Structure formats: C-alpha cells, structure tokens
N, C-alpha and C. Protein backbone atom coordinates (compact mmCIF):
# COMPACT_ATOMS: atom_id res chain seq x y z
N MET A 1 114.72 74.30 144.78
CA MET A 1 114.42 75.69 145.01
C MET A 1 112.98 75.79 145.50
N ASP A 2 112.79 76.43 146.59
CA ASP A 2 111.44 76.55 147.14
C ASP A 2 110.75 77.81 146.61
N PHE A 3 109.53 78.01 147.03
CA PHE A 3 108.69 79.09 146.52
C PHE A 3 109.25 80.47 146.86
N SER A 4 109.75 80.66 148.06
CA SER A 4 110.25 81.98 148.45
C SER A 4 111.51 82.34 147.66
N ALA A 5 112.35 81.38 147.35
CA ALA A 5 113.55 81.65 146.56
C ALA A 5 113.17 82.01 145.13
N SER A 6 112.21 81.28 144.54
CA SER A 6 111.79 81.59 143.18
C SER A 6 111.06 82.94 143.14
N LEU A 7 110.35 83.27 144.21
CA LEU A 7 109.67 84.56 144.29
C LEU A 7 110.70 85.69 144.36
N ASN A 8 111.76 85.50 145.11
CA ASN A 8 112.82 86.51 145.20
C ASN A 8 113.50 86.71 143.84
N VAL A 9 113.76 85.62 143.14
CA VAL A 9 114.37 85.72 141.81
C VAL A 9 113.42 86.41 140.84
N GLY A 10 112.14 86.06 140.90
CA GLY A 10 111.15 86.68 140.02
C GLY A 10 111.00 88.16 140.29
N LEU A 11 110.98 88.54 141.55
CA LEU A 11 110.88 89.96 141.90
C LEU A 11 112.12 90.73 141.48
N ALA A 12 113.28 90.09 141.60
CA ALA A 12 114.52 90.75 141.16
C ALA A 12 114.49 90.96 139.64
N LEU A 13 114.06 89.95 138.91
CA LEU A 13 113.96 90.10 137.45
C LEU A 13 112.93 91.16 137.07
N LEU A 14 111.80 91.18 137.76
CA LEU A 14 110.77 92.18 137.49
C LEU A 14 111.28 93.58 137.80
N GLY A 15 112.01 93.73 138.89
CA GLY A 15 112.60 95.03 139.23
C GLY A 15 113.60 95.48 138.19
N ALA A 16 114.43 94.54 137.73
CA ALA A 16 115.42 94.88 136.70
C ALA A 16 114.73 95.27 135.40
N LEU A 17 113.68 94.55 135.06
CA LEU A 17 112.93 94.87 133.84
C LEU A 17 112.28 96.24 133.93
N LEU A 18 111.66 96.54 135.05
CA LEU A 18 111.01 97.85 135.23
C LEU A 18 112.04 98.97 135.23
N THR A 19 113.20 98.74 135.83
CA THR A 19 114.28 99.74 135.82
C THR A 19 114.77 99.98 134.40
N ALA A 20 114.94 98.91 133.63
CA ALA A 20 115.38 99.06 132.24
C ALA A 20 114.34 99.80 131.42
N MET A 21 113.07 99.49 131.62
CA MET A 21 112.01 100.19 130.88
C MET A 21 111.94 101.66 131.28
N GLY A 22 112.13 101.96 132.55
CA GLY A 22 112.16 103.34 132.99
C GLY A 22 113.31 104.11 132.38
N GLY A 23 114.49 103.49 132.34
CA GLY A 23 115.66 104.12 131.71
C GLY A 23 115.43 104.36 130.23
N TYR A 24 114.84 103.39 129.57
CA TYR A 24 114.54 103.54 128.14
C TYR A 24 113.53 104.66 127.93
N GLY A 25 112.54 104.76 128.79
CA GLY A 25 111.55 105.83 128.69
C GLY A 25 112.16 107.20 128.87
N LEU A 26 113.07 107.33 129.82
CA LEU A 26 113.74 108.62 130.03
C LEU A 26 114.61 108.98 128.83
N TRP A 27 115.32 108.00 128.29
CA TRP A 27 116.15 108.26 127.11
C TRP A 27 115.28 108.67 125.93
N LEU A 28 114.17 107.97 125.74
CA LEU A 28 113.27 108.28 124.62
C LEU A 28 112.66 109.67 124.78
N ARG A 29 112.32 110.04 126.01
CA ARG A 29 111.79 111.38 126.26
C ARG A 29 112.81 112.45 125.89
N ARG A 30 114.07 112.20 126.23
CA ARG A 30 115.15 113.15 125.89
C ARG A 30 115.30 113.28 124.37
N VAL A 31 115.23 112.16 123.67
CA VAL A 31 115.34 112.18 122.21
C VAL A 31 114.18 112.96 121.60
N PHE A 32 112.97 112.74 122.10
CA PHE A 32 111.81 113.45 121.55
C PHE A 32 111.87 114.95 121.85
N ARG A 33 112.38 115.32 123.01
CA ARG A 33 112.51 116.75 123.31
C ARG A 33 113.51 117.41 122.38
N ARG A 34 114.63 116.75 122.13
CA ARG A 34 115.61 117.30 121.19
C ARG A 34 115.02 117.43 119.79
N LEU A 35 114.28 116.43 119.38
CA LEU A 35 113.64 116.46 118.07
C LEU A 35 112.62 117.59 117.99
N GLU A 36 111.85 117.78 119.06
CA GLU A 36 110.86 118.85 119.08
C GLU A 36 111.54 120.22 118.99
N ARG A 37 112.65 120.41 119.72
CA ARG A 37 113.38 121.68 119.63
C ARG A 37 113.90 121.93 118.22
N LYS A 38 114.42 120.89 117.59
CA LYS A 38 114.94 121.05 116.23
C LYS A 38 113.81 121.37 115.25
N LEU A 39 112.65 120.75 115.42
CA LEU A 39 111.52 121.05 114.55
C LEU A 39 111.03 122.49 114.74
N GLU A 40 111.03 122.96 115.99
CA GLU A 40 110.65 124.35 116.24
C GLU A 40 111.64 125.32 115.60
N GLN A 41 112.94 125.01 115.67
CA GLN A 41 113.94 125.85 115.02
C GLN A 41 113.74 125.85 113.51
N LEU A 42 113.46 124.70 112.94
CA LEU A 42 113.21 124.61 111.50
C LEU A 42 112.00 125.43 111.10
N GLN A 43 110.94 125.38 111.90
CA GLN A 43 109.75 126.16 111.61
C GLN A 43 110.06 127.66 111.67
N GLN A 44 110.83 128.09 112.66
CA GLN A 44 111.19 129.50 112.76
C GLN A 44 112.03 129.94 111.57
N HIS A 45 112.98 129.10 111.14
CA HIS A 45 113.80 129.44 109.98
C HIS A 45 112.95 129.52 108.72
N CYS A 46 112.00 128.60 108.56
CA CYS A 46 111.14 128.62 107.38
C CYS A 46 110.25 129.85 107.35
N GLN A 47 109.72 130.24 108.51
CA GLN A 47 108.89 131.44 108.57
C GLN A 47 109.71 132.69 108.28
N ALA A 48 110.93 132.75 108.80
CA ALA A 48 111.79 133.90 108.52
C ALA A 48 112.13 133.97 107.04
N CYS A 49 112.42 132.81 106.44
CA CYS A 49 112.72 132.77 105.01
C CYS A 49 111.52 133.19 104.19
N ARG A 50 110.32 132.73 104.58
CA ARG A 50 109.10 133.10 103.86
C ARG A 50 108.86 134.60 103.93
N ARG A 51 109.08 135.20 105.12
CA ARG A 51 108.91 136.65 105.25
C ARG A 51 109.93 137.41 104.41
N GLU A 52 111.17 136.92 104.40
CA GLU A 52 112.22 137.58 103.63
C GLU A 52 111.93 137.52 102.13
N VAL A 53 111.53 136.36 101.65
CA VAL A 53 111.22 136.22 100.23
C VAL A 53 110.01 137.07 99.85
N ALA A 54 109.00 137.11 100.72
CA ALA A 54 107.82 137.93 100.44
C ALA A 54 108.19 139.40 100.39
N ALA A 55 109.09 139.84 101.26
CA ALA A 55 109.53 141.24 101.25
C ALA A 55 110.32 141.54 99.99
N GLN A 56 111.12 140.59 99.52
CA GLN A 56 111.90 140.80 98.31
C GLN A 56 111.02 140.86 97.07
N LEU A 57 109.96 140.04 97.04
CA LEU A 57 109.12 139.97 95.85
C LEU A 57 107.98 140.98 95.85
N ALA A 58 107.76 141.66 96.96
CA ALA A 58 106.61 142.56 97.06
C ALA A 58 106.66 143.66 96.01
N GLY A 59 107.82 144.22 95.73
CA GLY A 59 107.92 145.28 94.75
C GLY A 59 108.20 144.79 93.34
N CYS A 60 108.48 143.53 93.15
CA CYS A 60 108.87 143.01 91.84
C CYS A 60 107.67 142.65 90.95
N LEU A 61 106.54 142.37 91.53
CA LEU A 61 105.41 141.89 90.75
C LEU A 61 104.42 143.02 90.47
N LEU A 62 104.86 143.98 89.72
CA LEU A 62 104.00 145.10 89.35
C LEU A 62 103.09 144.69 88.20
N TYR A 63 101.97 145.37 88.08
CA TYR A 63 101.04 145.08 87.00
C TYR A 63 101.64 145.54 85.68
N ASP A 64 101.71 144.64 84.74
CA ASP A 64 102.26 144.94 83.42
C ASP A 64 101.23 144.52 82.38
N PRO A 65 100.58 145.49 81.70
CA PRO A 65 99.55 145.13 80.73
C PRO A 65 100.08 144.28 79.57
N GLU A 66 101.34 144.44 79.21
CA GLU A 66 101.88 143.64 78.12
C GLU A 66 101.94 142.16 78.51
N ARG A 67 102.34 141.89 79.72
CA ARG A 67 102.38 140.49 80.17
C ARG A 67 100.97 139.91 80.23
N THR A 68 100.01 140.68 80.69
CA THR A 68 98.64 140.20 80.75
C THR A 68 98.11 139.93 79.35
N ALA A 69 98.41 140.81 78.43
CA ALA A 69 97.95 140.63 77.04
C ALA A 69 98.60 139.38 76.44
N LEU A 70 99.87 139.17 76.69
CA LEU A 70 100.55 137.99 76.17
C LEU A 70 99.94 136.72 76.76
N TRP A 71 99.67 136.73 78.06
CA TRP A 71 99.05 135.58 78.70
C TRP A 71 97.69 135.28 78.10
N GLU A 72 96.88 136.30 77.91
CA GLU A 72 95.55 136.10 77.33
C GLU A 72 95.63 135.64 75.89
N ALA A 73 96.65 136.09 75.16
CA ALA A 73 96.81 135.66 73.77
C ALA A 73 97.20 134.18 73.71
N LEU A 74 98.00 133.73 74.63
CA LEU A 74 98.44 132.34 74.61
C LEU A 74 97.41 131.39 75.20
N HIS A 75 96.64 131.86 76.15
CA HIS A 75 95.68 131.02 76.84
C HIS A 75 94.26 131.54 76.63
N TYR A 76 93.84 131.54 75.39
CA TYR A 76 92.54 132.12 75.06
C TYR A 76 91.41 131.10 75.13
N HIS A 77 91.71 129.83 75.30
CA HIS A 77 90.67 128.80 75.27
C HIS A 77 89.87 128.80 76.57
N ASP A 78 88.66 128.27 76.49
CA ASP A 78 87.81 128.14 77.66
C ASP A 78 87.74 126.68 78.08
N HIS A 79 87.46 126.47 79.33
CA HIS A 79 87.29 125.12 79.85
C HIS A 79 85.81 124.82 80.00
N PRO A 80 85.41 123.57 79.73
CA PRO A 80 83.99 123.23 79.93
C PRO A 80 83.66 123.28 81.42
N PRO A 81 82.40 123.53 81.75
CA PRO A 81 82.03 123.58 83.18
C PRO A 81 82.19 122.19 83.81
N ARG A 82 82.53 122.20 85.07
CA ARG A 82 82.70 120.93 85.77
C ARG A 82 81.35 120.34 86.10
N GLU A 83 81.29 119.03 85.98
CA GLU A 83 80.06 118.33 86.33
C GLU A 83 80.20 117.79 87.74
N SER A 84 79.12 117.81 88.48
CA SER A 84 79.18 117.26 89.84
C SER A 84 79.11 115.74 89.76
N SER A 85 79.68 115.10 90.75
CA SER A 85 79.67 113.64 90.76
C SER A 85 78.28 113.14 91.16
N PRO A 86 77.95 111.93 90.83
CA PRO A 86 76.61 111.41 91.14
C PRO A 86 76.36 111.29 92.64
N ASP A 87 77.40 111.19 93.45
CA ASP A 87 77.22 111.06 94.90
C ASP A 87 76.93 112.41 95.55
N GLY A 88 77.17 113.48 94.84
CA GLY A 88 77.04 114.81 95.43
C GLY A 88 78.32 115.26 96.11
N VAL A 89 79.42 114.53 95.87
CA VAL A 89 80.70 114.89 96.46
C VAL A 89 81.46 115.74 95.46
N ARG A 90 81.94 116.90 95.92
CA ARG A 90 82.71 117.76 95.03
C ARG A 90 84.19 117.56 95.29
N ILE A 91 84.96 117.47 94.23
CA ILE A 91 86.40 117.38 94.37
C ILE A 91 86.94 118.78 94.19
N ILE A 92 87.58 119.29 95.21
CA ILE A 92 88.09 120.66 95.18
C ILE A 92 89.57 120.62 94.84
N GLY A 93 89.96 121.49 93.93
CA GLY A 93 91.37 121.61 93.57
C GLY A 93 91.79 120.61 92.50
N GLY A 94 90.90 119.85 91.98
CA GLY A 94 91.30 118.83 91.01
C GLY A 94 90.96 119.19 89.61
C-alpha cells in the first residue's frame, strides 16, 4: 500500500469519525433542549404551587395571643450570646 492509498483510507476514517461526532453532538443538543424545557415546566409548576399555597395560608395564620403565650411558656429559656471565631469568620444560620 503506497502513501496516497493510506492517505485516502485515513481521510475516509477521519471523515467518518467527524460525521459520527457531529451526529452525536446534534443528538446531545436535542436531549439537552428537551431537558431544559422539562426543567422550565417544573419551575413553572413549582411557582404556581407556591402561589396557590401562599394564597390558601394567607388568611389562616391570624395572630392568636393564646398561642403566643403558650409558646413563650414552653420556650422561656435564653441562649448565650454567640462568640465570634478567632479568624473573624462568622457562620450565619448555624
């Protein structure tokens, strides 16, 4: 086999490889677009559910002095003040 024949075979293999990679890229793009659409739908459903639940609970949580008094009676203890870390880094929410 001479150089031109091996070059033709190599170019054919390279073309086939690039075609396969292009096809895989197009398929992967389609999969990601479908996934993105589904995630957007999920986000819309979650936001709608959050609005619905907030509307349902808006009138239910009225101020009740008896509940507040009961809470204060059960949780009357105080917590010691938080100390800052030696590095000067504050941990928030912990």
